[in-house]
């Protein structure tokens, strides 16, 4: 019998890239994708895998116990990418983030602890759970969690809930905390695709505050490779940072994007900083690197490839711009 893996949020940005990775590198595996298909989850992200003999798709919510009980039993691996992820949206609709990122994780973990076939449950968390990191230091897995917005708080809740199911029930849980991902299929509300698609259309790019907030960028392919490695070598009960090692101030990122698109820096539009805007994220990924993993996509190359992808796939992102630019509720 072939190995069966459940990928939740598998039609979203990172999830769909991971599904492609597994389909390519483990062609004999059965891949079950569970996705609610909210605004950022799209069947089109998996269109080229239609007909793949090992792939099945189920539309459903991880917070729906009936759906989860139908798809999780029999899976050797569960990778939970399903989440509400956009900080700006969390400022106006925190309840949705708590429902998916915390309660949804609970529903999955409850089913996981009743599934004897399960070998590993991977809870995808984020570097944002550490909160803002002062210059010169990097977060380690043992550092205190200090989330400062509803998104990162909801992810911290799911992160620690997953660990509690290992400590309390013995569920074989691994938690990952990755830095900012970029690459193809990212919904154009996030900064790189937003700025690229704005620049293509000569729309001003909104840069928060002084532009000196720093993010560490990780190409989605490198993230997928890390998660795949942890399916084999991750130790239940452990947490692993996955950092790209590319710390870039937002103003520098903006200038790089405009240069790659061939547009002037006069498109930069300074806007008031958002509430609770973390100044810097930085990860110490030594624990994962000890397994032999390291990022393979240089940031300059990866960013150029990403800009080229959005140039070449206007039919994918243009219909999404309406949703990306829709004012927050309230």
C-alpha atoms as a PDB file:
ATOM      1  CA  UNK A   1       0.000   0.000   0.000  1.00  0.00           C
ATOM      2  CA  UNK A   2       1.365   3.416  -0.961  1.00  0.00           C
ATOM      3  CA  UNK A   3       1.990   6.129   1.604  1.00  0.00           C
ATOM      4  CA  UNK A   4      -0.913   8.519   2.106  1.00  0.00           C
ATOM      5  CA  UNK A   5      -0.403  12.201   3.047  1.00  0.00           C
ATOM      6  CA  UNK A   6      -3.004  14.842   3.903  1.00  0.00           C
ATOM      7  CA  UNK A   7      -2.067  18.386   2.899  1.00  0.00           C
ATOM      8  CA  UNK A   8      -4.468  20.940   4.337  1.00  0.00           C
ATOM      9  CA  UNK A   9      -4.553  24.321   2.630  1.00  0.00           C
ATOM     10  CA  UNK A  10      -3.078  22.514  -0.358  1.00  0.00           C
ATOM     11  CA  UNK A  11      -4.642  24.899  -2.884  1.00  0.00           C
ATOM     12  CA  UNK A  12      -3.082  27.968  -1.284  1.00  0.00           C
ATOM     13  CA  UNK A  13       0.311  29.521  -1.936  1.00  0.00           C
ATOM     14  CA  UNK A  14       2.751  27.400   0.092  1.00  0.00           C
ATOM     15  CA  UNK A  15       0.438  24.395   0.214  1.00  0.00           C
ATOM     16  CA  UNK A  16       0.073  24.122  -3.569  1.00  0.00           C
ATOM     17  CA  UNK A  17       3.820  24.448  -4.028  1.00  0.00           C
ATOM     18  CA  UNK A  18       4.293  21.648  -1.492  1.00  0.00           C
ATOM     19  CA  UNK A  19       1.758  19.454  -3.297  1.00  0.00           C
ATOM     20  CA  UNK A  20       3.707  19.986  -6.528  1.00  0.00           C
ATOM     21  CA  UNK A  21       6.915  19.105  -4.687  1.00  0.00           C
ATOM     22  CA  UNK A  22       5.513  15.853  -3.285  1.00  0.00           C
ATOM     23  CA  UNK A  23       3.952  14.869  -6.616  1.00  0.00           C
ATOM     24  CA  UNK A  24       7.322  15.403  -8.290  1.00  0.00           C
ATOM     25  CA  UNK A  25       9.598  13.794  -5.713  1.00  0.00           C
ATOM     26  CA  UNK A  26       7.337  11.041  -4.347  1.00  0.00           C
ATOM     27  CA  UNK A  27       5.255   9.953  -7.344  1.00  0.00           C
ATOM     28  CA  UNK A  28       4.068   6.772  -5.632  1.00  0.00           C
ATOM     29  CA  UNK A  29       2.443   8.626  -2.713  1.00  0.00           C
ATOM     30  CA  UNK A  30      -1.276   9.288  -2.434  1.00  0.00           C
ATOM     31  CA  UNK A  31      -1.840  13.008  -1.825  1.00  0.00           C
ATOM     32  CA  UNK A  32      -5.123  14.152  -0.297  1.00  0.00           C
ATOM     33  CA  UNK A  33      -5.642  17.912  -0.532  1.00  0.00           C
ATOM     34  CA  UNK A  34      -8.164  19.496   1.837  1.00  0.00           C
ATOM     35  CA  UNK A  35      -8.866  23.160   1.139  1.00  0.00           C
ATOM     36  CA  UNK A  36     -11.778  25.454   1.920  1.00  0.00           C
ATOM     37  CA  UNK A  37     -11.122  27.470  -1.260  1.00  0.00           C
ATOM     38  CA  UNK A  38     -11.362  30.871   0.357  1.00  0.00           C
ATOM     39  CA  UNK A  39     -10.207  33.902  -1.638  1.00  0.00           C
ATOM     40  CA  UNK A  40      -6.539  32.796  -1.476  1.00  0.00           C
ATOM     41  CA  UNK A  41      -7.070  29.078  -2.121  1.00  0.00           C
ATOM     42  CA  UNK A  42      -7.655  28.189  -5.764  1.00  0.00           C
ATOM     43  CA  UNK A  43      -8.085  24.934  -7.666  1.00  0.00           C
ATOM     44  CA  UNK A  44      -6.229  26.641 -10.526  1.00  0.00           C
ATOM     45  CA  UNK A  45      -3.053  26.407  -8.432  1.00  0.00           C
ATOM     46  CA  UNK A  46      -3.195  22.638  -8.918  1.00  0.00           C
ATOM     47  CA  UNK A  47      -4.523  22.639 -12.484  1.00  0.00           C
ATOM     48  CA  UNK A  48      -1.423  21.028 -13.967  1.00  0.00           C
ATOM     49  CA  UNK A  49      -1.815  18.100 -11.545  1.00  0.00           C
ATOM     50  CA  UNK A  50      -5.364  17.270 -12.622  1.00  0.00           C
ATOM     51  CA  UNK A  51      -5.309  13.621 -13.558  1.00  0.00           C
ATOM     52  CA  UNK A  52      -2.304  12.831 -11.368  1.00  0.00           C
ATOM     53  CA  UNK A  53      -3.143   9.290 -10.309  1.00  0.00           C
ATOM     54  CA  UNK A  54      -2.178   9.825  -6.670  1.00  0.00           C
ATOM     55  CA  UNK A  55      -3.951  13.146  -6.110  1.00  0.00           C
ATOM     56  CA  UNK A  56      -7.444  13.645  -4.695  1.00  0.00           C
ATOM     57  CA  UNK A  57      -9.049  16.949  -3.761  1.00  0.00           C
ATOM     58  CA  UNK A  58     -11.657  17.591  -1.089  1.00  0.00           C
ATOM     59  CA  UNK A  59     -13.214  21.005  -0.618  1.00  0.00           C
ATOM     60  CA  UNK A  60     -13.777  21.555   3.067  1.00  0.00           C
ATOM     61  CA  UNK A  61     -12.889  23.410   6.235  1.00  0.00           C
ATOM     62  CA  UNK A  62     -10.336  22.073   8.736  1.00  0.00           C
ATOM     63  CA  UNK A  63     -12.686  23.367  11.440  1.00  0.00           C
ATOM     64  CA  UNK A  64     -15.382  20.939  10.224  1.00  0.00           C
ATOM     65  CA  UNK A  65     -14.924  17.747  12.245  1.00  0.00           C
ATOM     66  CA  UNK A  66     -17.100  15.676   9.905  1.00  0.00           C
ATOM     67  CA  UNK A  67     -14.931  16.524   6.905  1.00  0.00           C
ATOM     68  CA  UNK A  68     -11.693  15.979   8.806  1.00  0.00           C
ATOM     69  CA  UNK A  69     -12.863  12.601  10.119  1.00  0.00           C
ATOM     70  CA  UNK A  70     -13.536  11.585   6.537  1.00  0.00           C
ATOM     71  CA  UNK A  71     -10.114  12.454   5.101  1.00  0.00           C
ATOM     72  CA  UNK A  72      -7.519  12.108   7.864  1.00  0.00           C
ATOM     73  CA  UNK A  73      -7.815   8.458   8.992  1.00  0.00           C
ATOM     74  CA  UNK A  74      -5.383   6.237   7.108  1.00  0.00           C
ATOM     75  CA  UNK A  75      -2.928   9.059   6.421  1.00  0.00           C
ATOM     76  CA  UNK A  76       0.646   8.445   7.515  1.00  0.00           C
ATOM     77  CA  UNK A  77       1.427  12.149   7.369  1.00  0.00           C
ATOM     78  CA  UNK A  78      -0.536  15.352   7.914  1.00  0.00           C
ATOM     79  CA  UNK A  79       0.923  18.733   6.961  1.00  0.00           C
ATOM     80  CA  UNK A  80      -1.273  21.607   8.123  1.00  0.00           C
ATOM     81  CA  UNK A  81      -0.753  24.626   5.871  1.00  0.00           C
ATOM     82  CA  UNK A  82      -4.385  25.735   6.214  1.00  0.00           C
ATOM     83  CA  UNK A  83      -4.503  29.175   7.796  1.00  0.00           C
ATOM     84  CA  UNK A  84      -5.638  32.743   7.560  1.00  0.00           C
ATOM     85  CA  UNK A  85      -2.303  34.477   7.057  1.00  0.00           C
ATOM     86  CA  UNK A  86      -2.502  38.175   6.227  1.00  0.00           C
ATOM     87  CA  UNK A  87      -1.601  40.471   9.140  1.00  0.00           C
ATOM     88  CA  UNK A  88      -3.567  43.426   7.761  1.00  0.00           C
ATOM     89  CA  UNK A  89      -6.768  41.379   7.503  1.00  0.00           C
ATOM     90  CA  UNK A  90      -6.293  40.073  11.055  1.00  0.00           C
ATOM     91  CA  UNK A  91      -6.456  43.630  12.381  1.00  0.00           C
ATOM     92  CA  UNK A  92     -10.055  43.910  11.154  1.00  0.00           C
ATOM     93  CA  UNK A  93     -11.319  40.324  11.408  1.00  0.00           C
ATOM     94  CA  UNK A  94      -9.421  38.559  14.197  1.00  0.00           C
ATOM     95  CA  UNK A  95     -12.216  36.051  14.801  1.00  0.00           C
ATOM     96  CA  UNK A  96     -11.722  34.382  11.439  1.00  0.00           C
ATOM     97  CA  UNK A  97      -8.034  33.870  12.232  1.00  0.00           C
ATOM     98  CA  UNK A  98      -8.785  32.328  15.619  1.00  0.00           C
ATOM     99  CA  UNK A  99     -11.385  30.027  14.056  1.00  0.00           C
ATOM    100  CA  UNK A 100      -9.040  28.646  11.412  1.00  0.00           C
ATOM    101  CA  UNK A 101      -5.576  28.924  12.914  1.00  0.00           C
ATOM    102  CA  UNK A 102      -6.485  27.728  16.411  1.00  0.00           C
ATOM    103  CA  UNK A 103      -9.818  25.898  16.354  1.00  0.00           C
ATOM    104  CA  UNK A 104      -9.052  24.326  12.982  1.00  0.00           C
ATOM    105  CA  UNK A 105      -5.752  23.029  14.353  1.00  0.00           C
ATOM    106  CA  UNK A 106      -7.670  21.594  17.326  1.00  0.00           C
ATOM    107  CA  UNK A 107     -10.065  19.694  15.055  1.00  0.00           C
ATOM    108  CA  UNK A 108      -7.172  18.212  13.071  1.00  0.00           C
ATOM    109  CA  UNK A 109      -5.264  17.245  16.206  1.00  0.00           C
ATOM    110  CA  UNK A 110      -8.330  15.578  17.718  1.00  0.00           C
ATOM    111  CA  UNK A 111      -8.670  13.402  14.616  1.00  0.00           C
ATOM    112  CA  UNK A 112      -4.916  12.782  14.561  1.00  0.00           C
ATOM    113  CA  UNK A 113      -4.832  11.399  18.088  1.00  0.00           C
ATOM    114  CA  UNK A 114      -7.453   8.818  17.132  1.00  0.00           C
ATOM    115  CA  UNK A 115      -5.603   7.724  13.983  1.00  0.00           C
ATOM    116  CA  UNK A 116      -3.256   4.751  14.523  1.00  0.00           C
ATOM    117  CA  UNK A 117      -1.823   5.057  10.998  1.00  0.00           C
ATOM    118  CA  UNK A 118      -0.339   8.497  11.709  1.00  0.00           C
ATOM    119  CA  UNK A 119       3.471   8.728  11.678  1.00  0.00           C
ATOM    120  CA  UNK A 120       3.887  12.517  11.823  1.00  0.00           C
ATOM    121  CA  UNK A 121       1.744  15.637  12.088  1.00  0.00           C
ATOM    122  CA  UNK A 122       3.502  18.789  10.872  1.00  0.00           C
ATOM    123  CA  UNK A 123       2.025  22.044  12.162  1.00  0.00           C
ATOM    124  CA  UNK A 124       3.149  24.929   9.954  1.00  0.00           C
ATOM    125  CA  UNK A 125       3.751  27.968  12.134  1.00  0.00           C
ATOM    126  CA  UNK A 126       5.642  31.203  11.423  1.00  0.00           C
ATOM    127  CA  UNK A 127       8.607  33.262  12.591  1.00  0.00           C
ATOM    128  CA  UNK A 128       6.115  35.963  13.549  1.00  0.00           C
ATOM    129  CA  UNK A 129       5.223  34.097  16.749  1.00  0.00           C
ATOM    130  CA  UNK A 130       8.523  35.343  18.232  1.00  0.00           C
ATOM    131  CA  UNK A 131       7.453  38.944  17.823  1.00  0.00           C
ATOM    132  CA  UNK A 132       9.762  41.771  16.882  1.00  0.00           C
ATOM    133  CA  UNK A 133      13.463  40.888  17.172  1.00  0.00           C
ATOM    134  CA  UNK A 134      15.983  43.583  18.013  1.00  0.00           C
ATOM    135  CA  UNK A 135      18.912  44.204  15.676  1.00  0.00           C
ATOM    136  CA  UNK A 136      21.756  41.726  15.892  1.00  0.00           C
ATOM    137  CA  UNK A 137      19.951  38.742  17.413  1.00  0.00           C
ATOM    138  CA  UNK A 138      18.123  35.790  15.850  1.00  0.00           C
ATOM    139  CA  UNK A 139      15.242  33.787  17.288  1.00  0.00           C
ATOM    140  CA  UNK A 140      15.912  30.230  18.403  1.00  0.00           C
ATOM    141  CA  UNK A 141      13.298  27.537  18.901  1.00  0.00           C
ATOM    142  CA  UNK A 142      13.636  27.834  22.698  1.00  0.00           C
ATOM    143  CA  UNK A 143      12.943  31.586  22.768  1.00  0.00           C
ATOM    144  CA  UNK A 144       9.763  32.960  24.304  1.00  0.00           C
ATOM    145  CA  UNK A 145       6.842  33.608  21.980  1.00  0.00           C
ATOM    146  CA  UNK A 146       5.747  37.262  21.909  1.00  0.00           C
ATOM    147  CA  UNK A 147       3.190  37.663  19.102  1.00  0.00           C
ATOM    148  CA  UNK A 148       2.024  41.244  18.635  1.00  0.00           C
ATOM    149  CA  UNK A 149      -0.925  41.030  16.237  1.00  0.00           C
ATOM    150  CA  UNK A 150      -3.990  38.776  15.948  1.00  0.00           C
ATOM    151  CA  UNK A 151      -2.491  36.775  13.070  1.00  0.00           C
ATOM    152  CA  UNK A 152       0.739  35.873  14.855  1.00  0.00           C
ATOM    153  CA  UNK A 153      -1.165  35.284  18.114  1.00  0.00           C
ATOM    154  CA  UNK A 154      -3.523  32.837  16.404  1.00  0.00           C
ATOM    155  CA  UNK A 155      -0.558  31.021  14.850  1.00  0.00           C
ATOM    156  CA  UNK A 156       1.187  30.877  18.235  1.00  0.00           C
ATOM    157  CA  UNK A 157      -1.983  29.349  19.675  1.00  0.00           C
ATOM    158  CA  UNK A 158      -2.086  26.622  17.026  1.00  0.00           C
ATOM    159  CA  UNK A 159       1.656  26.101  17.386  1.00  0.00           C
ATOM    160  CA  UNK A 160       1.497  25.471  21.147  1.00  0.00           C
ATOM    161  CA  UNK A 161      -1.754  23.526  20.926  1.00  0.00           C
ATOM    162  CA  UNK A 162      -0.033  21.121  18.529  1.00  0.00           C
ATOM    163  CA  UNK A 163       2.845  20.687  20.971  1.00  0.00           C
ATOM    164  CA  UNK A 164       0.379  20.063  23.803  1.00  0.00           C
ATOM    165  CA  UNK A 165      -1.095  17.132  21.861  1.00  0.00           C
ATOM    166  CA  UNK A 166       2.392  15.619  21.731  1.00  0.00           C
ATOM    167  CA  UNK A 167       3.018  16.221  25.440  1.00  0.00           C
ATOM    168  CA  UNK A 168      -0.436  15.122  26.595  1.00  0.00           C
ATOM    169  CA  UNK A 169      -1.530  12.440  24.142  1.00  0.00           C
ATOM    170  CA  UNK A 170       1.683  11.380  22.422  1.00  0.00           C
ATOM    171  CA  UNK A 171       0.578  12.588  18.985  1.00  0.00           C
ATOM    172  CA  UNK A 172       3.756  12.643  16.836  1.00  0.00           C
ATOM    173  CA  UNK A 173       3.821  16.390  16.240  1.00  0.00           C
ATOM    174  CA  UNK A 174       6.546  18.529  14.674  1.00  0.00           C
ATOM    175  CA  UNK A 175       6.184  22.321  14.538  1.00  0.00           C
ATOM    176  CA  UNK A 176       7.907  24.452  11.896  1.00  0.00           C
ATOM    177  CA  UNK A 177       8.446  28.226  12.003  1.00  0.00           C
ATOM    178  CA  UNK A 178       9.427  29.650   8.634  1.00  0.00           C
ATOM    179  CA  UNK A 179      10.412  33.137   7.602  1.00  0.00           C
ATOM    180  CA  UNK A 180       8.557  35.119   4.922  1.00  0.00           C
ATOM    181  CA  UNK A 181       7.929  32.999   1.846  1.00  0.00           C
ATOM    182  CA  UNK A 182       7.885  34.229  -1.735  1.00  0.00           C
ATOM    183  CA  UNK A 183       7.458  32.611  -5.137  1.00  0.00           C
ATOM    184  CA  UNK A 184       4.739  31.641  -7.633  1.00  0.00           C
ATOM    185  CA  UNK A 185       1.026  31.386  -6.783  1.00  0.00           C
ATOM    186  CA  UNK A 186       1.174  33.882  -3.895  1.00  0.00           C
ATOM    187  CA  UNK A 187      -2.043  35.857  -3.577  1.00  0.00           C
ATOM    188  CA  UNK A 188      -1.439  39.502  -4.569  1.00  0.00           C
ATOM    189  CA  UNK A 189      -2.246  41.006  -1.185  1.00  0.00           C
ATOM    190  CA  UNK A 190       1.223  40.028   0.103  1.00  0.00           C
ATOM    191  CA  UNK A 191       3.987  42.561  -0.369  1.00  0.00           C
ATOM    192  CA  UNK A 192       6.034  41.023  -3.203  1.00  0.00           C
ATOM    193  CA  UNK A 193       3.181  40.079  -5.575  1.00  0.00           C
ATOM    194  CA  UNK A 194       1.271  43.231  -4.597  1.00  0.00           C
ATOM    195  CA  UNK A 195       4.191  45.492  -5.454  1.00  0.00           C
ATOM    196  CA  UNK A 196       5.075  43.556  -8.621  1.00  0.00           C
ATOM    197  CA  UNK A 197       1.539  43.660 -10.001  1.00  0.00           C
ATOM    198  CA  UNK A 198       1.082  47.302  -8.970  1.00  0.00           C
ATOM    199  CA  UNK A 199       4.333  48.250 -10.689  1.00  0.00           C
ATOM    200  CA  UNK A 200       3.367  46.411 -13.872  1.00  0.00           C
ATOM    201  CA  UNK A 201       0.252  48.613 -14.011  1.00  0.00           C
ATOM    202  CA  UNK A 202       2.036  51.816 -12.885  1.00  0.00           C
ATOM    203  CA  UNK A 203       0.038  51.897  -9.648  1.00  0.00           C
ATOM    204  CA  UNK A 204       1.865  53.460  -6.665  1.00  0.00           C
ATOM    205  CA  UNK A 205       3.255  50.874  -4.230  1.00  0.00           C
ATOM    206  CA  UNK A 206       2.244  51.577  -0.592  1.00  0.00           C
ATOM    207  CA  UNK A 207       5.298  51.412   1.668  1.00  0.00           C
ATOM    208  CA  UNK A 208       4.585  51.397   5.404  1.00  0.00           C
ATOM    209  CA  UNK A 209       6.292  53.931   7.670  1.00  0.00           C
ATOM    210  CA  UNK A 210       9.985  54.590   7.120  1.00  0.00           C
ATOM    211  CA  UNK A 211      10.448  51.398   5.096  1.00  0.00           C
ATOM    212  CA  UNK A 212      13.126  50.080   7.442  1.00  0.00           C
ATOM    213  CA  UNK A 213      11.203  47.098   8.789  1.00  0.00           C
ATOM    214  CA  UNK A 214      13.271  43.993   8.041  1.00  0.00           C
ATOM    215  CA  UNK A 215      12.040  40.618   6.840  1.00  0.00           C
ATOM    216  CA  UNK A 216      13.952  37.400   6.152  1.00  0.00           C
ATOM    217  CA  UNK A 217      12.953  35.996   2.752  1.00  0.00           C
ATOM    218  CA  UNK A 218      12.682  32.272   2.001  1.00  0.00           C
ATOM    219  CA  UNK A 219      11.866  30.932  -1.452  1.00  0.00           C
ATOM    220  CA  UNK A 220       8.864  28.628  -1.271  1.00  0.00           C
ATOM    221  CA  UNK A 221      10.816  25.803  -2.953  1.00  0.00           C
ATOM    222  CA  UNK A 222      13.353  25.856  -0.121  1.00  0.00           C
ATOM    223  CA  UNK A 223      10.508  25.779   2.407  1.00  0.00           C
ATOM    224  CA  UNK A 224       8.989  22.746   0.687  1.00  0.00           C
ATOM    225  CA  UNK A 225      12.326  20.940   0.742  1.00  0.00           C
ATOM    226  CA  UNK A 226      12.653  21.619   4.462  1.00  0.00           C
ATOM    227  CA  UNK A 227       9.187  20.267   5.292  1.00  0.00           C
ATOM    228  CA  UNK A 228       9.821  17.201   3.134  1.00  0.00           C
ATOM    229  CA  UNK A 229      13.080  16.550   5.003  1.00  0.00           C
ATOM    230  CA  UNK A 230      11.283  16.796   8.331  1.00  0.00           C
ATOM    231  CA  UNK A 231       8.815  14.131   7.244  1.00  0.00           C
ATOM    232  CA  UNK A 232      11.802  11.795   7.340  1.00  0.00           C
ATOM    233  CA  UNK A 233      13.981  13.244  10.075  1.00  0.00           C
ATOM    234  CA  UNK A 234      11.814  15.458  12.231  1.00  0.00           C
ATOM    235  CA  UNK A 235      11.675  14.336  15.854  1.00  0.00           C
ATOM    236  CA  UNK A 236       8.183  14.358  17.413  1.00  0.00           C
ATOM    237  CA  UNK A 237       7.802  17.064  20.020  1.00  0.00           C
ATOM    238  CA  UNK A 238      10.437  19.290  18.418  1.00  0.00           C
ATOM    239  CA  UNK A 239      10.181  22.687  16.728  1.00  0.00           C
ATOM    240  CA  UNK A 240      12.326  23.678  13.747  1.00  0.00           C
ATOM    241  CA  UNK A 241      13.043  27.160  12.412  1.00  0.00           C
ATOM    242  CA  UNK A 242      13.229  27.467   8.616  1.00  0.00           C
ATOM    243  CA  UNK A 243      14.975  30.716   7.745  1.00  0.00           C
ATOM    244  CA  UNK A 244      16.019  31.981   4.348  1.00  0.00           C
ATOM    245  CA  UNK A 245      19.016  33.958   5.604  1.00  0.00           C
ATOM    246  CA  UNK A 246      18.011  36.939   3.457  1.00  0.00           C
ATOM    247  CA  UNK A 247      17.231  39.860   5.768  1.00  0.00           C
ATOM    248  CA  UNK A 248      16.134  42.824   3.668  1.00  0.00           C
ATOM    249  CA  UNK A 249      14.642  46.188   4.733  1.00  0.00           C
ATOM    250  CA  UNK A 250      11.286  46.802   3.043  1.00  0.00           C
ATOM    251  CA  UNK A 251      12.565  49.905   1.253  1.00  0.00           C
ATOM    252  CA  UNK A 252      15.386  47.891  -0.337  1.00  0.00           C
ATOM    253  CA  UNK A 253      12.955  45.151  -1.332  1.00  0.00           C
ATOM    254  CA  UNK A 254      10.685  47.757  -2.931  1.00  0.00           C
ATOM    255  CA  UNK A 255      13.545  49.274  -4.912  1.00  0.00           C
ATOM    256  CA  UNK A 256      14.658  45.844  -6.128  1.00  0.00           C
ATOM    257  CA  UNK A 257      11.149  45.019  -7.316  1.00  0.00           C
ATOM    258  CA  UNK A 258      10.755  48.306  -9.166  1.00  0.00           C
ATOM    259  CA  UNK A 259      14.136  47.817 -10.821  1.00  0.00           C
ATOM    260  CA  UNK A 260      13.238  44.288 -11.963  1.00  0.00           C
ATOM    261  CA  UNK A 261       9.903  45.479 -13.357  1.00  0.00           C
ATOM    262  CA  UNK A 262      11.664  48.436 -15.001  1.00  0.00           C
ATOM    263  CA  UNK A 263       9.687  51.137 -13.209  1.00  0.00           C
ATOM    264  CA  UNK A 264      10.888  54.327 -11.421  1.00  0.00           C
ATOM    265  CA  UNK A 265      11.147  54.764  -7.655  1.00  0.00           C
ATOM    266  CA  UNK A 266       8.680  57.630  -7.953  1.00  0.00           C
ATOM    267  CA  UNK A 267       6.015  54.892  -7.716  1.00  0.00           C
ATOM    268  CA  UNK A 268       6.849  54.499  -4.023  1.00  0.00           C
ATOM    269  CA  UNK A 269       4.027  55.939  -1.914  1.00  0.00           C
ATOM    270  CA  UNK A 270       4.716  56.363   1.796  1.00  0.00           C
ATOM    271  CA  UNK A 271       1.712  55.418   3.938  1.00  0.00           C
ATOM    272  CA  UNK A 272       1.170  55.513   7.730  1.00  0.00           C
ATOM    273  CA  UNK A 273       2.621  52.520   9.527  1.00  0.00           C
ATOM    274  CA  UNK A 274       0.201  49.783  10.524  1.00  0.00           C
ATOM    275  CA  UNK A 275      -0.569  49.150  14.218  1.00  0.00           C
ATOM    276  CA  UNK A 276       1.822  46.750  15.963  1.00  0.00           C
ATOM    277  CA  UNK A 277       4.141  46.544  12.958  1.00  0.00           C
ATOM    278  CA  UNK A 278       7.058  44.311  14.010  1.00  0.00           C
ATOM    279  CA  UNK A 279      10.407  45.896  13.218  1.00  0.00           C
ATOM    280  CA  UNK A 280      12.460  42.832  12.359  1.00  0.00           C
ATOM    281  CA  UNK A 281      12.284  39.059  12.119  1.00  0.00           C
ATOM    282  CA  UNK A 282      15.365  36.870  12.143  1.00  0.00           C
ATOM    283  CA  UNK A 283      15.706  33.107  12.569  1.00  0.00           C
ATOM    284  CA  UNK A 284      18.504  30.869  13.767  1.00  0.00           C
ATOM    285  CA  UNK A 285      18.028  27.741  11.612  1.00  0.00           C
ATOM    286  CA  UNK A 286      21.019  25.826  12.958  1.00  0.00           C
ATOM    287  CA  UNK A 287      18.844  22.990  14.255  1.00  0.00           C
ATOM    288  CA  UNK A 288      17.472  22.251  10.788  1.00  0.00           C
ATOM    289  CA  UNK A 289      20.797  22.889   9.046  1.00  0.00           C
ATOM    290  CA  UNK A 290      22.303  20.142  11.203  1.00  0.00           C
ATOM    291  CA  UNK A 291      20.241  17.738   9.062  1.00  0.00           C
ATOM    292  CA  UNK A 292      22.034  19.019   5.955  1.00  0.00           C
ATOM    293  CA  UNK A 293      19.323  21.419   4.782  1.00  0.00           C
ATOM    294  CA  UNK A 294      20.183  24.878   3.555  1.00  0.00           C
ATOM    295  CA  UNK A 295      18.441  27.290   1.172  1.00  0.00           C
ATOM    296  CA  UNK A 296      19.344  26.640  -2.453  1.00  0.00           C
ATOM    297  CA  UNK A 297      17.670  29.645  -4.121  1.00  0.00           C
ATOM    298  CA  UNK A 298      19.748  32.861  -3.843  1.00  0.00           C
ATOM    299  CA  UNK A 299      17.461  35.784  -3.080  1.00  0.00           C
ATOM    300  CA  UNK A 300      18.436  37.863  -6.126  1.00  0.00           C
ATOM    301  CA  UNK A 301      17.764  34.907  -8.412  1.00  0.00           C
ATOM    302  CA  UNK A 302      14.570  33.895  -6.658  1.00  0.00           C
ATOM    303  CA  UNK A 303      13.159  37.416  -6.709  1.00  0.00           C
ATOM    304  CA  UNK A 304      13.940  37.802 -10.412  1.00  0.00           C
ATOM    305  CA  UNK A 305      12.257  34.457 -11.140  1.00  0.00           C
ATOM    306  CA  UNK A 306       9.226  35.483  -9.087  1.00  0.00           C
ATOM    307  CA  UNK A 307       8.860  38.816 -10.888  1.00  0.00           C
ATOM    308  CA  UNK A 308       9.151  36.983 -14.214  1.00  0.00           C
ATOM    309  CA  UNK A 309       6.458  34.506 -13.132  1.00  0.00           C
ATOM    310  CA  UNK A 310       3.978  37.294 -12.411  1.00  0.00           C
ATOM    311  CA  UNK A 311       4.852  38.972 -15.707  1.00  0.00           C
ATOM    312  CA  UNK A 312       4.149  35.713 -17.531  1.00  0.00           C
ATOM    313  CA  UNK A 313       0.971  34.808 -15.632  1.00  0.00           C
ATOM    314  CA  UNK A 314      -1.195  37.907 -15.799  1.00  0.00           C
ATOM    315  CA  UNK A 315      -4.221  35.721 -16.519  1.00  0.00           C
ATOM    316  CA  UNK A 316      -3.701  34.126 -13.094  1.00  0.00           C
ATOM    317  CA  UNK A 317      -3.409  37.286 -10.996  1.00  0.00           C
ATOM    318  CA  UNK A 318      -5.477  39.945 -12.759  1.00  0.00           C
ATOM    319  CA  UNK A 319      -8.850  38.528 -11.638  1.00  0.00           C
ATOM    320  CA  UNK A 320      -7.505  38.375  -8.083  1.00  0.00           C
ATOM    321  CA  UNK A 321      -6.562  42.037  -7.842  1.00  0.00           C
ATOM    322  CA  UNK A 322     -10.169  42.978  -7.064  1.00  0.00           C
ATOM    323  CA  UNK A 323     -10.126  40.800  -3.949  1.00  0.00           C
ATOM    324  CA  UNK A 324      -6.606  41.897  -3.018  1.00  0.00           C
ATOM    325  CA  UNK A 325      -7.539  45.586  -3.152  1.00  0.00           C
ATOM    326  CA  UNK A 326     -10.942  45.236  -1.458  1.00  0.00           C
ATOM    327  CA  UNK A 327     -11.100  47.475   1.634  1.00  0.00           C
ATOM    328  CA  UNK A 328     -11.013  45.620   4.971  1.00  0.00           C
ATOM    329  CA  UNK A 329     -14.418  45.035   6.623  1.00  0.00           C
ATOM    330  CA  UNK A 330     -15.583  47.403   9.315  1.00  0.00           C
END
